[in-house]
């Protein structure tokens, strides 16, 4: 298992440092992979954890069916 870092330590290693609230929202949205683990009140991240900014969120039906909506022309 990889070494676990606390939220502040992990944030300092990132190319763009974010505020505490922004990181908590990113955790809840699932934008950090692999997802951090919460021990009591502390969030612990693996060293290799990265922030993934998704440009387009897909609907549940698209994820289930693997289809996209047809656009009108």
N, C-alpha and C. Protein backbone atom coordinates (compact mmCIF):
# COMPACT_ATOMS: atom_id res chain seq x y z
N UNK A 1 0.83 -1.18 0.00
CA UNK A 1 0.00 0.00 0.00
C UNK A 1 0.87 1.25 0.00
N UNK A 2 0.41 2.26 -0.67
CA UNK A 2 1.15 3.50 -0.78
C UNK A 2 1.13 4.27 0.54
N UNK A 3 2.08 5.18 0.66
CA UNK A 3 2.11 6.06 1.82
C UNK A 3 0.92 7.01 1.75
N UNK A 4 0.25 7.22 2.88
CA UNK A 4 -0.91 8.11 2.92
C UNK A 4 -0.48 9.50 3.38
N UNK A 5 -1.01 10.50 2.71
CA UNK A 5 -0.72 11.89 3.05
C UNK A 5 -1.99 12.56 3.57
N UNK A 6 -1.82 13.49 4.49
CA UNK A 6 -2.97 14.26 4.95
C UNK A 6 -3.33 15.28 3.87
N UNK A 7 -4.53 15.83 3.98
CA UNK A 7 -5.04 16.74 2.95
C UNK A 7 -4.08 17.89 2.68
N UNK A 8 -3.58 18.53 3.72
CA UNK A 8 -2.68 19.68 3.54
C UNK A 8 -1.39 19.28 2.82
N UNK A 9 -0.80 18.15 3.20
CA UNK A 9 0.43 17.67 2.56
C UNK A 9 0.18 17.35 1.09
N UNK A 10 -0.93 16.67 0.81
CA UNK A 10 -1.26 16.31 -0.57
C UNK A 10 -1.47 17.55 -1.42
N UNK A 11 -2.17 18.54 -0.87
CA UNK A 11 -2.47 19.77 -1.60
C UNK A 11 -1.18 20.53 -1.94
N UNK A 12 -0.19 20.51 -1.05
CA UNK A 12 1.07 21.20 -1.31
C UNK A 12 1.84 20.57 -2.46
N UNK A 13 1.63 19.30 -2.73
CA UNK A 13 2.33 18.61 -3.82
C UNK A 13 1.67 18.82 -5.18
N UNK A 14 0.46 19.36 -5.19
CA UNK A 14 -0.27 19.54 -6.44
C UNK A 14 0.23 20.77 -7.19
N UNK A 15 0.16 20.76 -8.53
CA UNK A 15 0.62 21.91 -9.30
C UNK A 15 -0.20 23.18 -9.02
N UNK A 16 -1.49 23.02 -8.79
CA UNK A 16 -2.36 24.15 -8.44
C UNK A 16 -2.92 23.88 -7.06
N UNK A 17 -2.57 24.74 -6.11
CA UNK A 17 -3.06 24.55 -4.75
C UNK A 17 -4.48 25.08 -4.64
N UNK A 18 -5.35 24.31 -4.01
CA UNK A 18 -6.76 24.66 -3.86
C UNK A 18 -7.08 24.91 -2.39
N UNK A 19 -8.17 25.63 -2.14
CA UNK A 19 -8.59 25.87 -0.76
C UNK A 19 -9.24 24.60 -0.20
N UNK A 20 -9.33 24.55 1.12
CA UNK A 20 -9.84 23.37 1.82
C UNK A 20 -11.26 23.02 1.36
N UNK A 21 -12.13 24.02 1.26
CA UNK A 21 -13.52 23.78 0.86
C UNK A 21 -13.64 23.21 -0.54
N UNK A 22 -12.81 23.70 -1.46
CA UNK A 22 -12.84 23.22 -2.84
C UNK A 22 -12.45 21.75 -2.90
N UNK A 23 -11.44 21.37 -2.13
CA UNK A 23 -10.99 19.98 -2.13
C UNK A 23 -12.08 19.07 -1.56
N UNK A 24 -12.75 19.52 -0.50
CA UNK A 24 -13.83 18.71 0.08
C UNK A 24 -14.95 18.49 -0.93
N UNK A 25 -15.29 19.53 -1.69
CA UNK A 25 -16.33 19.38 -2.73
C UNK A 25 -15.86 18.41 -3.81
N UNK A 26 -14.58 18.50 -4.18
CA UNK A 26 -14.04 17.60 -5.20
C UNK A 26 -14.07 16.15 -4.72
N UNK A 27 -13.82 15.93 -3.44
CA UNK A 27 -13.89 14.57 -2.87
C UNK A 27 -15.31 14.04 -2.99
N UNK A 28 -16.29 14.85 -2.61
CA UNK A 28 -17.69 14.42 -2.63
C UNK A 28 -18.18 14.18 -4.05
N UNK A 29 -17.68 14.95 -5.03
CA UNK A 29 -18.06 14.77 -6.43
C UNK A 29 -17.35 13.58 -7.06
N UNK A 30 -16.29 13.10 -6.43
CA UNK A 30 -15.54 11.98 -6.98
C UNK A 30 -14.51 12.41 -8.00
N UNK A 31 -14.03 13.66 -7.90
CA UNK A 31 -13.06 14.19 -8.86
C UNK A 31 -11.62 13.81 -8.52
N UNK A 32 -11.37 13.18 -7.39
CA UNK A 32 -10.02 12.79 -7.01
C UNK A 32 -9.94 11.28 -7.07
N UNK A 33 -8.91 10.79 -7.79
CA UNK A 33 -8.75 9.35 -7.97
C UNK A 33 -7.32 8.94 -7.66
N UNK A 34 -7.08 7.88 -6.94
CA UNK A 34 -8.04 7.07 -6.19
C UNK A 34 -8.66 7.88 -5.06
N UNK A 35 -9.89 7.56 -4.70
CA UNK A 35 -10.58 8.37 -3.70
C UNK A 35 -9.88 8.33 -2.35
N UNK A 36 -9.83 9.47 -1.67
CA UNK A 36 -9.21 9.51 -0.34
C UNK A 36 -10.06 8.77 0.69
N UNK A 37 -9.42 8.46 1.80
CA UNK A 37 -10.07 7.73 2.89
C UNK A 37 -10.19 8.67 4.08
N UNK A 38 -11.30 8.62 4.76
CA UNK A 38 -11.48 9.47 5.93
C UNK A 38 -11.25 8.66 7.20
N UNK A 39 -10.28 9.11 8.00
CA UNK A 39 -9.99 8.52 9.30
C UNK A 39 -10.38 9.53 10.36
N UNK A 40 -11.52 9.32 11.01
CA UNK A 40 -12.00 10.29 12.00
C UNK A 40 -12.37 11.59 11.30
N UNK A 41 -11.62 12.66 11.60
CA UNK A 41 -11.87 13.96 10.97
C UNK A 41 -10.87 14.27 9.86
N UNK A 42 -9.88 13.42 9.66
CA UNK A 42 -8.82 13.66 8.68
C UNK A 42 -9.05 12.90 7.39
N UNK A 43 -8.82 13.56 6.26
CA UNK A 43 -8.83 12.90 4.96
C UNK A 43 -7.40 12.49 4.64
N UNK A 44 -7.20 11.25 4.22
CA UNK A 44 -5.88 10.75 3.85
C UNK A 44 -5.88 10.35 2.38
N UNK A 45 -4.88 10.82 1.65
CA UNK A 45 -4.75 10.60 0.22
C UNK A 45 -3.55 9.72 -0.06
N UNK A 46 -3.66 8.89 -1.09
CA UNK A 46 -2.48 8.17 -1.56
C UNK A 46 -1.58 9.17 -2.27
N UNK A 47 -0.28 8.91 -2.27
CA UNK A 47 0.67 9.84 -2.91
C UNK A 47 0.34 10.07 -4.38
N UNK A 48 -0.12 9.02 -5.06
CA UNK A 48 -0.37 9.12 -6.49
C UNK A 48 -1.75 9.67 -6.83
N UNK A 49 -2.55 10.04 -5.82
CA UNK A 49 -3.90 10.55 -6.08
C UNK A 49 -3.83 11.84 -6.90
N UNK A 50 -4.71 11.94 -7.88
CA UNK A 50 -4.73 13.12 -8.75
C UNK A 50 -6.13 13.68 -8.85
N UNK A 51 -6.19 14.97 -9.13
CA UNK A 51 -7.46 15.66 -9.33
C UNK A 51 -7.82 15.54 -10.80
N UNK A 52 -9.01 15.03 -11.10
CA UNK A 52 -9.47 14.88 -12.48
C UNK A 52 -10.62 15.83 -12.69
N UNK A 53 -10.45 16.79 -13.57
CA UNK A 53 -11.54 17.70 -13.86
C UNK A 53 -12.29 17.16 -15.06
N UNK A 54 -13.52 16.76 -14.82
CA UNK A 54 -14.34 16.24 -15.90
C UNK A 54 -15.00 17.42 -16.60
N UNK A 55 -14.86 17.47 -17.92
CA UNK A 55 -15.42 18.59 -18.66
C UNK A 55 -16.90 18.43 -18.87
N UNK A 56 -17.38 17.21 -19.00
CA UNK A 56 -18.80 16.99 -19.25
C UNK A 56 -19.27 15.81 -18.41
N UNK A 57 -20.24 16.05 -17.60
CA UNK A 57 -20.82 14.96 -16.82
C UNK A 57 -21.91 14.31 -17.65
N UNK A 58 -21.94 13.01 -17.64
CA UNK A 58 -22.93 12.27 -18.42
C UNK A 58 -24.12 11.93 -17.54
N UNK A 59 -25.26 11.73 -18.17
CA UNK A 59 -26.45 11.35 -17.42
C UNK A 59 -26.36 9.87 -17.04
N UNK A 60 -27.18 9.48 -16.11
CA UNK A 60 -27.20 8.09 -15.67
C UNK A 60 -27.55 7.15 -16.81
N UNK A 61 -28.54 7.52 -17.63
CA UNK A 61 -28.94 6.67 -18.76
C UNK A 61 -27.80 6.51 -19.77
N UNK A 62 -27.04 7.57 -20.00
CA UNK A 62 -25.90 7.46 -20.92
C UNK A 62 -24.86 6.50 -20.37
N UNK A 63 -24.63 6.55 -19.07
CA UNK A 63 -23.65 5.64 -18.48
C UNK A 63 -24.13 4.20 -18.52
N UNK A 64 -25.42 3.98 -18.33
CA UNK A 64 -25.97 2.63 -18.35
C UNK A 64 -25.98 2.06 -19.76
N UNK A 65 -26.52 2.83 -20.70
CA UNK A 65 -26.68 2.35 -22.07
C UNK A 65 -25.45 2.56 -22.94
N UNK A 66 -24.58 3.46 -22.55
CA UNK A 66 -23.42 3.76 -23.38
C UNK A 66 -23.79 4.56 -24.62
N UNK A 67 -24.93 5.21 -24.59
CA UNK A 67 -25.40 5.98 -25.74
C UNK A 67 -25.43 7.46 -25.38
N UNK A 68 -25.37 8.28 -26.40
CA UNK A 68 -25.54 9.71 -26.20
C UNK A 68 -26.83 10.15 -26.86
N UNK A 69 -27.34 11.29 -26.44
CA UNK A 69 -28.57 11.80 -27.02
C UNK A 69 -28.33 12.20 -28.47
N UNK A 70 -29.32 11.98 -29.30
CA UNK A 70 -29.23 12.41 -30.69
C UNK A 70 -29.53 13.90 -30.75
N UNK A 71 -28.70 14.62 -31.47
CA UNK A 71 -28.90 16.06 -31.59
C UNK A 71 -29.78 16.37 -32.78
N UNK A 72 -30.59 17.40 -32.63
CA UNK A 72 -31.44 17.84 -33.74
C UNK A 72 -30.61 18.55 -34.78
N UNK A 73 -31.08 18.46 -36.00
CA UNK A 73 -30.37 19.17 -37.07
C UNK A 73 -31.31 20.04 -37.84
